[in-house]
Amino acid sequence: MIRDLVAATYRGGYRIELEFDDGQRGIVDFTKYVERGGIFERLRNMEFFRGFSVNKELGTLTWADEIDIAPETLYAEATGVALPEWMESKVSDTAGRHSRSDC
């Protein structure tokens, strides 16, 4: 089941506390996304990074409606719950290539 993000609070550095529609919450460190570069390059600018918002329609975290991370990935990182099986197999199938499920 996909959980929607309902709230996000900046916690310093590249850390954001996330709360989901089932009441689960946790802090995610986005440093690894910043280090990836590419589309995430803009997150290096701390002012831009802190300008995140919760997109209620998508149920995920977004930056300037240009950058977002799959809510399944955010949920897994915030709560320690494994990614859904369909995402795990997709990651294995695309080994070595960047895909949406990597986010």
PDB file of N, CA and C in Angstrom:
ATOM      1  N   MET A   1       0.831  -1.182   0.000  1.00  0.00           N
ATOM      2  CA  MET A   1       0.000   0.000   0.000  1.00  0.00           C
ATOM      3  C   MET A   1       0.877   1.248   0.000  1.00  0.00           C
ATOM      4  N   ILE A   2       0.549   2.175  -0.838  1.00  0.00           N
ATOM      5  CA  ILE A   2       1.291   3.430  -0.908  1.00  0.00           C
ATOM      6  C   ILE A   2       0.744   4.387   0.137  1.00  0.00           C
ATOM      7  N   ARG A   3       1.642   4.938   0.916  1.00  0.00           N
ATOM      8  CA  ARG A   3       1.278   5.908   1.950  1.00  0.00           C
ATOM      9  C   ARG A   3       1.576   7.318   1.459  1.00  0.00           C
ATOM     10  N   ASP A   4       0.636   8.219   1.711  1.00  0.00           N
ATOM     11  CA  ASP A   4       0.836   9.609   1.326  1.00  0.00           C
ATOM     12  C   ASP A   4       1.531  10.380   2.437  1.00  0.00           C
ATOM     13  N   LEU A   5       2.394  11.277   2.025  1.00  0.00           N
ATOM     14  CA  LEU A   5       3.035  12.200   2.945  1.00  0.00           C
ATOM     15  C   LEU A   5       2.029  13.292   3.275  1.00  0.00           C
ATOM     16  N   VAL A   6       1.878  13.617   4.560  1.00  0.00           N
ATOM     17  CA  VAL A   6       0.907  14.644   4.952  1.00  0.00           C
ATOM     18  C   VAL A   6       1.552  15.867   5.593  1.00  0.00           C
ATOM     19  N   ALA A   7       2.788  15.723   6.104  1.00  0.00           N
ATOM     20  CA  ALA A   7       3.459  16.861   6.733  1.00  0.00           C
ATOM     21  C   ALA A   7       4.967  16.663   6.670  1.00  0.00           C
ATOM     22  N   ALA A   8       5.681  17.786   6.623  1.00  0.00           N
ATOM     23  CA  ALA A   8       7.146  17.750   6.600  1.00  0.00           C
ATOM     24  C   ALA A   8       7.676  18.959   7.362  1.00  0.00           C
ATOM     25  N   THR A   9       8.690  18.717   8.189  1.00  0.00           N
ATOM     26  CA  THR A   9       9.270  19.773   9.016  1.00  0.00           C
ATOM     27  C   THR A   9      10.783  19.746   8.874  1.00  0.00           C
ATOM     28  N   TYR A  10      11.373  20.893   8.571  1.00  0.00           N
ATOM     29  CA  TYR A  10      12.821  21.005   8.444  1.00  0.00           C
ATOM     30  C   TYR A  10      13.469  20.778   9.804  1.00  0.00           C
ATOM     31  N   ARG A  11      14.525  19.953   9.848  1.00  0.00           N
ATOM     32  CA  ARG A  11      15.194  19.616  11.109  1.00  0.00           C
ATOM     33  C   ARG A  11      16.687  19.937  11.112  1.00  0.00           C
ATOM     34  N   GLY A  12      17.151  20.758  10.185  1.00  0.00           N
ATOM     35  CA  GLY A  12      18.556  21.151  10.161  1.00  0.00           C
ATOM     36  C   GLY A  12      19.354  20.366   9.139  1.00  0.00           C
ATOM     37  N   GLY A  13      20.368  21.021   8.586  1.00  0.00           N
ATOM     38  CA  GLY A  13      21.179  20.374   7.559  1.00  0.00           C
ATOM     39  C   GLY A  13      20.298  19.945   6.404  1.00  0.00           C
ATOM     40  N   TYR A  14      20.465  18.708   5.981  1.00  0.00           N
ATOM     41  CA  TYR A  14      19.624  18.153   4.917  1.00  0.00           C
ATOM     42  C   TYR A  14      18.609  17.159   5.486  1.00  0.00           C
ATOM     43  N   ARG A  15      18.189  17.391   6.718  1.00  0.00           N
ATOM     44  CA  ARG A  15      17.245  16.483   7.372  1.00  0.00           C
ATOM     45  C   ARG A  15      15.847  17.092   7.418  1.00  0.00           C
ATOM     46  N   ILE A  16      14.863  16.253   7.094  1.00  0.00           N
ATOM     47  CA  ILE A  16      13.457  16.654   7.135  1.00  0.00           C
ATOM     48  C   ILE A  16      12.680  15.555   7.846  1.00  0.00           C
ATOM     49  N   GLU A  17      11.858  15.955   8.807  1.00  0.00           N
ATOM     50  CA  GLU A  17      10.975  14.998   9.471  1.00  0.00           C
ATOM     51  C   GLU A  17       9.708  14.863   8.641  1.00  0.00           C
ATOM     52  N   LEU A  18       9.336  13.626   8.354  1.00  0.00           N
ATOM     53  CA  LEU A  18       8.182  13.341   7.506  1.00  0.00           C
ATOM     54  C   LEU A  18       7.095  12.637   8.308  1.00  0.00           C
ATOM     55  N   GLU A  19       5.833  12.993   8.024  1.00  0.00           N
ATOM     56  CA  GLU A  19       4.696  12.315   8.642  1.00  0.00           C
ATOM     57  C   GLU A  19       3.768  11.831   7.537  1.00  0.00           C
ATOM     58  N   PHE A  20       3.302  10.588   7.684  1.00  0.00           N
ATOM     59  CA  PHE A  20       2.489   9.948   6.663  1.00  0.00           C
ATOM     60  C   PHE A  20       1.044   9.766   7.132  1.00  0.00           C
ATOM     61  N   ASP A  21       0.177   9.443   6.183  1.00  0.00           N
ATOM     62  CA  ASP A  21      -1.255   9.351   6.452  1.00  0.00           C
ATOM     63  C   ASP A  21      -1.639   8.250   7.435  1.00  0.00           C
ATOM     64  N   ASP A  22      -0.729   7.333   7.748  1.00  0.00           N
ATOM     65  CA  ASP A  22      -1.017   6.295   8.742  1.00  0.00           C
ATOM     66  C   ASP A  22      -0.463   6.659  10.115  1.00  0.00           C
ATOM     67  N   GLY A  23       0.046   7.899  10.251  1.00  0.00           N
ATOM     68  CA  GLY A  23       0.584   8.367  11.526  1.00  0.00           C
ATOM     69  C   GLY A  23       2.062   8.083  11.728  1.00  0.00           C
ATOM     70  N   GLN A  24       2.666   7.271  10.867  1.00  0.00           N
ATOM     71  CA  GLN A  24       4.099   6.983  10.973  1.00  0.00           C
ATOM     72  C   GLN A  24       4.897   8.235  10.640  1.00  0.00           C
ATOM     73  N   ARG A  25       6.023   8.363  11.302  1.00  0.00           N
ATOM     74  CA  ARG A  25       6.896   9.498  11.031  1.00  0.00           C
ATOM     75  C   ARG A  25       8.350   9.110  11.246  1.00  0.00           C
ATOM     76  N   GLY A  26       9.218   9.915  10.681  1.00  0.00           N
ATOM     77  CA  GLY A  26      10.643   9.683  10.833  1.00  0.00           C
ATOM     78  C   GLY A  26      11.420  10.788  10.147  1.00  0.00           C
ATOM     79  N   ILE A  27      12.696  10.860  10.457  1.00  0.00           N
ATOM     80  CA  ILE A  27      13.560  11.885   9.876  1.00  0.00           C
ATOM     81  C   ILE A  27      14.394  11.249   8.765  1.00  0.00           C
ATOM     82  N   VAL A  28      14.406  11.917   7.611  1.00  0.00           N
ATOM     83  CA  VAL A  28      15.185  11.453   6.464  1.00  0.00           C
ATOM     84  C   VAL A  28      16.307  12.453   6.221  1.00  0.00           C
ATOM     85  N   ASP A  29      17.519  11.938   6.063  1.00  0.00           N
ATOM     86  CA  ASP A  29      18.670  12.765   5.708  1.00  0.00           C
ATOM     87  C   ASP A  29      18.816  12.714   4.188  1.00  0.00           C
ATOM     88  N   PHE A  30      18.645  13.846   3.526  1.00  0.00           N
ATOM     89  CA  PHE A  30      18.673  13.917   2.071  1.00  0.00           C
ATOM     90  C   PHE A  30      20.073  14.163   1.507  1.00  0.00           C
ATOM     91  N   THR A  31      21.096  14.046   2.343  1.00  0.00           N
ATOM     92  CA  THR A  31      22.470  14.255   1.886  1.00  0.00           C
ATOM     93  C   THR A  31      22.801  13.372   0.688  1.00  0.00           C
ATOM     94  N   LYS A  32      22.377  12.117   0.700  1.00  0.00           N
ATOM     95  CA  LYS A  32      22.718  11.209  -0.401  1.00  0.00           C
ATOM     96  C   LYS A  32      22.109  11.671  -1.723  1.00  0.00           C
ATOM     97  N   TYR A  33      20.969  12.333  -1.680  1.00  0.00           N
ATOM     98  CA  TYR A  33      20.368  12.856  -2.906  1.00  0.00           C
ATOM     99  C   TYR A  33      21.186  14.026  -3.428  1.00  0.00           C
ATOM    100  N   VAL A  34      21.609  14.886  -2.513  1.00  0.00           N
ATOM    101  CA  VAL A  34      22.434  16.033  -2.887  1.00  0.00           C
ATOM    102  C   VAL A  34      23.724  15.555  -3.537  1.00  0.00           C
ATOM    103  N   GLU A  35      24.319  14.505  -2.992  1.00  0.00           N
ATOM    104  CA  GLU A  35      25.576  13.973  -3.517  1.00  0.00           C
ATOM    105  C   GLU A  35      25.420  13.314  -4.881  1.00  0.00           C
ATOM    106  N   ARG A  36      24.212  12.878  -5.223  1.00  0.00           N
ATOM    107  CA  ARG A  36      23.970  12.249  -6.524  1.00  0.00           C
ATOM    108  C   ARG A  36      24.129  13.225  -7.672  1.00  0.00           C
ATOM    109  N   GLY A  37      23.842  14.489  -7.431  1.00  0.00           N
ATOM    110  CA  GLY A  37      23.905  15.468  -8.511  1.00  0.00           C
ATOM    111  C   GLY A  37      22.728  15.292  -9.449  1.00  0.00           C
ATOM    112  N   GLY A  38      22.948  15.579 -10.726  1.00  0.00           N
ATOM    113  CA  GLY A  38      21.869  15.484 -11.705  1.00  0.00           C
ATOM    114  C   GLY A  38      20.715  16.383 -11.323  1.00  0.00           C
ATOM    115  N   ILE A  39      19.520  15.860 -11.371  1.00  0.00           N
ATOM    116  CA  ILE A  39      18.343  16.650 -11.028  1.00  0.00           C
ATOM    117  C   ILE A  39      18.384  17.145  -9.585  1.00  0.00           C
ATOM    118  N   PHE A  40      19.086  16.410  -8.722  1.00  0.00           N
ATOM    119  CA  PHE A  40      19.165  16.800  -7.320  1.00  0.00           C
ATOM    120  C   PHE A  40      20.222  17.866  -7.053  1.00  0.00           C
ATOM    121  N   GLU A  41      20.967  18.268  -8.063  1.00  0.00           N
ATOM    122  CA  GLU A  41      22.013  19.285  -7.918  1.00  0.00           C
ATOM    123  C   GLU A  41      21.482  20.555  -7.257  1.00  0.00           C
ATOM    124  N   ARG A  42      20.264  20.942  -7.599  1.00  0.00           N
ATOM    125  CA  ARG A  42      19.690  22.188  -7.055  1.00  0.00           C
ATOM    126  C   ARG A  42      19.501  22.130  -5.547  1.00  0.00           C
ATOM    127  N   LEU A  43      19.424  20.923  -4.989  1.00  0.00           N
ATOM    128  CA  LEU A  43      19.240  20.788  -3.549  1.00  0.00           C
ATOM    129  C   LEU A  43      20.474  21.223  -2.763  1.00  0.00           C
ATOM    130  N   ARG A  44      21.602  21.351  -3.426  1.00  0.00           N
ATOM    131  CA  ARG A  44      22.823  21.826  -2.752  1.00  0.00           C
ATOM    132  C   ARG A  44      22.637  23.238  -2.197  1.00  0.00           C
ATOM    133  N   ASN A  45      21.819  24.022  -2.887  1.00  0.00           N
ATOM    134  CA  ASN A  45      21.515  25.377  -2.429  1.00  0.00           C
ATOM    135  C   ASN A  45      20.555  25.252  -1.245  1.00  0.00           C
ATOM    136  N   MET A  46      21.040  25.570  -0.043  1.00  0.00           N
ATOM    137  CA  MET A  46      20.258  25.349   1.164  1.00  0.00           C
ATOM    138  C   MET A  46      18.945  26.132   1.166  1.00  0.00           C
ATOM    139  N   GLU A  47      18.954  27.319   0.596  1.00  0.00           N
ATOM    140  CA  GLU A  47      17.708  28.090   0.525  1.00  0.00           C
ATOM    141  C   GLU A  47      16.676  27.353  -0.333  1.00  0.00           C
ATOM    142  N   PHE A  48      17.132  26.811  -1.458  1.00  0.00           N
ATOM    143  CA  PHE A  48      16.246  26.026  -2.318  1.00  0.00           C
ATOM    144  C   PHE A  48      15.786  24.768  -1.580  1.00  0.00           C
ATOM    145  N   PHE A  49      16.717  24.064  -0.928  1.00  0.00           N
ATOM    146  CA  PHE A  49      16.378  22.848  -0.207  1.00  0.00           C
ATOM    147  C   PHE A  49      15.298  23.110   0.833  1.00  0.00           C
ATOM    148  N   ARG A  50      15.453  24.183   1.589  1.00  0.00           N
ATOM    149  CA  ARG A  50      14.499  24.496   2.654  1.00  0.00           C
ATOM    150  C   ARG A  50      13.155  24.972   2.107  1.00  0.00           C
ATOM    151  N   GLY A  51      13.063  25.178   0.804  1.00  0.00           N
ATOM    152  CA  GLY A  51      11.817  25.611   0.181  1.00  0.00           C
ATOM    153  C   GLY A  51      10.917  24.452  -0.235  1.00  0.00           C
ATOM    154  N   PHE A  52      11.104  23.285   0.344  1.00  0.00           N
ATOM    155  CA  PHE A  52      10.282  22.120   0.006  1.00  0.00           C
ATOM    156  C   PHE A  52       8.826  22.351   0.410  1.00  0.00           C
ATOM    157  N   SER A  53       7.960  21.555  -0.165  1.00  0.00           N
ATOM    158  CA  SER A  53       6.549  21.565   0.244  1.00  0.00           C
ATOM    159  C   SER A  53       5.982  20.162   0.084  1.00  0.00           C
ATOM    160  N   VAL A  54       4.858  19.924   0.728  1.00  0.00           N
ATOM    161  CA  VAL A  54       4.159  18.667   0.582  1.00  0.00           C
ATOM    162  C   VAL A  54       3.123  18.852  -0.517  1.00  0.00           C
ATOM    163  N   ASN A  55       3.255  18.064  -1.568  1.00  0.00           N
ATOM    164  CA  ASN A  55       2.271  18.103  -2.653  1.00  0.00           C
ATOM    165  C   ASN A  55       1.153  17.141  -2.255  1.00  0.00           C
ATOM    166  N   LYS A  56       0.027  17.717  -1.835  1.00  0.00           N
ATOM    167  CA  LYS A  56      -1.095  16.906  -1.334  1.00  0.00           C
ATOM    168  C   LYS A  56      -1.683  16.018  -2.432  1.00  0.00           C
ATOM    169  N   GLU A  57      -1.645  16.486  -3.668  1.00  0.00           N
ATOM    170  CA  GLU A  57      -2.181  15.695  -4.780  1.00  0.00           C
ATOM    171  C   GLU A  57      -1.353  14.444  -5.027  1.00  0.00           C
ATOM    172  N   LEU A  58      -0.031  14.593  -4.976  1.00  0.00           N
ATOM    173  CA  LEU A  58       0.872  13.466  -5.211  1.00  0.00           C
ATOM    174  C   LEU A  58       1.198  12.697  -3.935  1.00  0.00           C
ATOM    175  N   GLY A  59       0.980  13.333  -2.779  1.00  0.00           N
ATOM    176  CA  GLY A  59       1.294  12.684  -1.506  1.00  0.00           C
ATOM    177  C   GLY A  59       2.774  12.535  -1.275  1.00  0.00           C
ATOM    178  N   THR A  60       3.559  13.516  -1.771  1.00  0.00           N
ATOM    179  CA  THR A  60       5.002  13.417  -1.629  1.00  0.00           C
ATOM    180  C   THR A  60       5.620  14.792  -1.402  1.00  0.00           C
ATOM    181  N   LEU A  61       6.916  14.793  -1.191  1.00  0.00           N
ATOM    182  CA  LEU A  61       7.692  16.002  -0.975  1.00  0.00           C
ATOM    183  C   LEU A  61       8.163  16.531  -2.319  1.00  0.00           C
ATOM    184  N   THR A  62       8.032  17.840  -2.530  1.00  0.00           N
ATOM    185  CA  THR A  62       8.483  18.424  -3.789  1.00  0.00           C
ATOM    186  C   THR A  62       9.268  19.701  -3.521  1.00  0.00           C
ATOM    187  N   TRP A  63      10.072  20.038  -4.500  1.00  0.00           N
ATOM    188  CA  TRP A  63      10.809  21.297  -4.500  1.00  0.00           C
ATOM    189  C   TRP A  63      10.450  22.019  -5.793  1.00  0.00           C
ATOM    190  N   ALA A  64       9.842  23.179  -5.669  1.00  0.00           N
ATOM    191  CA  ALA A  64       9.483  24.043  -6.802  1.00  0.00           C
ATOM    192  C   ALA A  64       8.679  23.279  -7.864  1.00  0.00           C
ATOM    193  N   ASP A  65       7.932  22.275  -7.459  1.00  0.00           N
ATOM    194  CA  ASP A  65       7.154  21.448  -8.396  1.00  0.00           C
ATOM    195  C   ASP A  65       7.991  20.908  -9.541  1.00  0.00           C
ATOM    196  N   GLU A  66       9.297  20.781  -9.320  1.00  0.00           N
ATOM    197  CA  GLU A  66      10.222  20.263 -10.332  1.00  0.00           C
ATOM    198  C   GLU A  66      10.882  18.972  -9.884  1.00  0.00           C
ATOM    199  N   ILE A  67      11.156  18.877  -8.592  1.00  0.00           N
ATOM    200  CA  ILE A  67      11.874  17.735  -8.045  1.00  0.00           C
ATOM    201  C   ILE A  67      10.979  17.067  -7.018  1.00  0.00           C
ATOM    202  N   ASP A  68      10.849  15.759  -7.121  1.00  0.00           N
ATOM    203  CA  ASP A  68      10.121  15.016  -6.099  1.00  0.00           C
ATOM    204  C   ASP A  68      10.770  13.645  -5.945  1.00  0.00           C
ATOM    205  N   ILE A  69      10.432  13.008  -4.844  1.00  0.00           N
ATOM    206  CA  ILE A  69      10.960  11.677  -4.557  1.00  0.00           C
ATOM    207  C   ILE A  69       9.754  10.777  -4.304  1.00  0.00           C
ATOM    208  N   ALA A  70       9.777   9.596  -4.873  1.00  0.00           N
ATOM    209  CA  ALA A  70       8.653   8.664  -4.752  1.00  0.00           C
ATOM    210  C   ALA A  70       8.229   8.518  -3.295  1.00  0.00           C
ATOM    211  N   PRO A  71       6.928   8.619  -3.018  1.00  0.00           N
ATOM    212  CA  PRO A  71       6.468   8.502  -1.629  1.00  0.00           C
ATOM    213  C   PRO A  71       6.810   7.156  -0.998  1.00  0.00           C
ATOM    214  N   GLU A  72       6.866   6.091  -1.805  1.00  0.00           N
ATOM    215  CA  GLU A  72       7.248   4.779  -1.284  1.00  0.00           C
ATOM    216  C   GLU A  72       8.675   4.799  -0.740  1.00  0.00           C
ATOM    217  N   THR A  73       9.542   5.493  -1.457  1.00  0.00           N
ATOM    218  CA  THR A  73      10.934   5.609  -1.026  1.00  0.00           C
ATOM    219  C   THR A  73      11.033   6.430   0.247  1.00  0.00           C
ATOM    220  N   LEU A  74      10.310   7.540   0.300  1.00  0.00           N
ATOM    221  CA  LEU A  74      10.320   8.377   1.501  1.00  0.00           C
ATOM    222  C   LEU A  74       9.808   7.590   2.709  1.00  0.00           C
ATOM    223  N   TYR A  75       8.730   6.844   2.520  1.00  0.00           N
ATOM    224  CA  TYR A  75       8.156   6.060   3.618  1.00  0.00           C
ATOM    225  C   TYR A  75       9.170   5.033   4.118  1.00  0.00           C
ATOM    226  N   ALA A  76       9.804   4.329   3.197  1.00  0.00           N
ATOM    227  CA  ALA A  76      10.796   3.322   3.580  1.00  0.00           C
ATOM    228  C   ALA A  76      11.954   3.955   4.341  1.00  0.00           C
ATOM    229  N   GLU A  77      12.441   5.081   3.871  1.00  0.00           N
ATOM    230  CA  GLU A  77      13.572   5.731   4.521  1.00  0.00           C
ATOM    231  C   GLU A  77      13.198   6.314   5.879  1.00  0.00           C
ATOM    232  N   ALA A  78      11.988   6.851   6.001  1.00  0.00           N
ATOM    233  CA  ALA A  78      11.566   7.476   7.251  1.00  0.00           C
ATOM    234  C   ALA A  78      11.205   6.456   8.327  1.00  0.00           C
ATOM    235  N   THR A  79      10.661   5.318   7.923  1.00  0.00           N
ATOM    236  CA  THR A  79      10.141   4.362   8.904  1.00  0.00           C
ATOM    237  C   THR A  79      10.971   3.095   9.052  1.00  0.00           C
ATOM    238  N   GLY A  80      11.856   2.841   8.092  1.00  0.00           N
ATOM    239  CA  GLY A  80      12.648   1.617   8.130  1.00  0.00           C
ATOM    240  C   GLY A  80      11.918   0.414   7.559  1.00  0.00           C
ATOM    241  N   VAL A  81      10.707   0.634   7.039  1.00  0.00           N
ATOM    242  CA  VAL A  81       9.935  -0.430   6.405  1.00  0.00           C
ATOM    243  C   VAL A  81      10.517  -0.682   5.019  1.00  0.00           C
ATOM    244  N   ALA A  82      10.570  -1.933   4.616  1.00  0.00           N
ATOM    245  CA  ALA A  82      11.130  -2.274   3.297  1.00  0.00           C
ATOM    246  C   ALA A  82      10.296  -1.662   2.176  1.00  0.00           C
ATOM    247  N   LEU A  83      10.959  -1.376   1.075  1.00  0.00           N
ATOM    248  CA  LEU A  83      10.248  -0.919  -0.111  1.00  0.00           C
ATOM    249  C   LEU A  83       9.264  -2.000  -0.553  1.00  0.00           C
ATOM    250  N   PRO A  84       8.179  -1.591  -1.212  1.00  0.00           N
ATOM    251  CA  PRO A  84       7.257  -2.606  -1.732  1.00  0.00           C
ATOM    252  C   PRO A  84       8.002  -3.563  -2.668  1.00  0.00           C
ATOM    253  N   GLU A  85       7.556  -4.803  -2.711  1.00  0.00           N
ATOM    254  CA  GLU A  85       8.223  -5.821  -3.521  1.00  0.00           C
ATOM    255  C   GLU A  85       8.348  -5.403  -4.984  1.00  0.00           C
ATOM    256  N   TRP A  86       7.306  -4.781  -5.526  1.00  0.00           N
ATOM    257  CA  TRP A  86       7.351  -4.376  -6.937  1.00  0.00           C
ATOM    258  C   TRP A  86       8.440  -3.343  -7.192  1.00  0.00           C
ATOM    259  N   MET A  87       8.785  -2.540  -6.182  1.00  0.00           N
ATOM    260  CA  MET A  87       9.878  -1.579  -6.356  1.00  0.00           C
ATOM    261  C   MET A  87      11.224  -2.266  -6.241  1.00  0.00           C
ATOM    262  N   GLU A  88      11.346  -3.210  -5.323  1.00  0.00           N
ATOM    263  CA  GLU A  88      12.597  -3.940  -5.145  1.00  0.00           C
ATOM    264  C   GLU A  88      12.972  -4.669  -6.427  1.00  0.00           C
ATOM    265  N   SER A  89      12.013  -5.340  -7.063  1.00  0.00           N
ATOM    266  CA  SER A  89      12.317  -6.069  -8.280  1.00  0.00           C
ATOM    267  C   SER A  89      12.666  -5.121  -9.415  1.00  0.00           C
ATOM    268  N   LYS A  90      12.037  -3.951  -9.453  1.00  0.00           N
ATOM    269  CA  LYS A  90      12.346  -2.974 -10.490  1.00  0.00           C
ATOM    270  C   LYS A  90      13.768  -2.454 -10.319  1.00  0.00           C
ATOM    271  N   VAL A  91      14.181  -2.230  -9.070  1.00  0.00           N
ATOM    272  CA  VAL A  91      15.544  -1.776  -8.813  1.00  0.00           C
ATOM    273  C   VAL A  91      16.531  -2.832  -9.271  1.00  0.00           C
ATOM    274  N   SER A  92      16.253  -4.106  -8.991  1.00  0.00           N
ATOM    275  CA  SER A  92      17.138  -5.198  -9.414  1.00  0.00           C
ATOM    276  C   SER A  92      17.211  -5.292 -10.931  1.00  0.00           C
ATOM    277  N   ASP A  93      16.071  -5.103 -11.591  1.00  0.00           N
ATOM    278  CA  ASP A  93      16.022  -5.197 -13.049  1.00  0.00           C
ATOM    279  C   ASP A  93      16.804  -4.087 -13.736  1.00  0.00           C
ATOM    280  N   THR A  94      16.996  -2.965 -13.053  1.00  0.00           N
ATOM    281  CA  THR A  94      17.667  -1.820 -13.664  1.00  0.00           C
ATOM    282  C   THR A  94      19.040  -1.596 -13.047  1.00  0.00           C
ATOM    283  N   ALA A  95      19.648  -2.637 -12.531  1.00  0.00           N
ATOM    284  CA  ALA A  95      20.947  -2.517 -11.866  1.00  0.00           C
ATOM    285  C   ALA A  95      21.913  -1.699 -12.711  1.00  0.00           C
ATOM    286  N   GLY A  96      22.503  -0.703 -12.048  1.00  0.00           N
ATOM    287  CA  GLY A  96      23.480   0.138 -12.725  1.00  0.00           C
ATOM    288  C   GLY A  96      22.873   1.312 -13.473  1.00  0.00           C
ATOM    289  N   ARG A  97      21.555   1.342 -13.619  1.00  0.00           N
ATOM    290  CA  ARG A  97      20.916   2.456 -14.295  1.00  0.00           C
ATOM    291  C   ARG A  97      20.041   3.195 -13.304  1.00  0.00           C
ATOM    292  N   HIS A  98      19.948   4.514 -13.456  1.00  0.00           N
ATOM    293  CA  HIS A  98      19.107   5.339 -12.589  1.00  0.00           C
ATOM    294  C   HIS A  98      17.684   5.282 -13.103  1.00  0.00           C
ATOM    295  N   SER A  99      16.758   4.979 -12.206  1.00  0.00           N
ATOM    296  CA  SER A  99      15.347   4.981 -12.585  1.00  0.00           C
ATOM    297  C   SER A  99      14.545   5.695 -11.521  1.00  0.00           C
ATOM    298  N   ARG A 100      13.286   5.966 -11.805  1.00  0.00           N
ATOM    299  CA  ARG A 100      12.407   6.642 -10.858  1.00  0.00           C
ATOM    300  C   ARG A 100      12.361   5.904  -9.529  1.00  0.00           C
ATOM    301  N   SER A 101      12.430   4.587  -9.562  1.00  0.00           N
ATOM    302  CA  SER A 101      12.351   3.820  -8.325  1.00  0.00           C
ATOM    303  C   SER A 101      13.625   3.964  -7.484  1.00  0.00           C
ATOM    304  N   ASP A 102      14.695   4.510  -8.063  1.00  0.00           N
ATOM    305  CA  ASP A 102      15.907   4.748  -7.300  1.00  0.00           C
ATOM    306  C   ASP A 102      15.762   5.949  -6.398  1.00  0.00           C
ATOM    307  N   CYS A 103      14.777   6.752  -6.640  1.00  0.00           N
ATOM    308  CA  CYS A 103      14.623   8.013  -5.916  1.00  0.00           C
ATOM    309  C   CYS A 103      13.898   7.835  -4.623  1.00  0.00           C
TER     310      CYS A 103
END
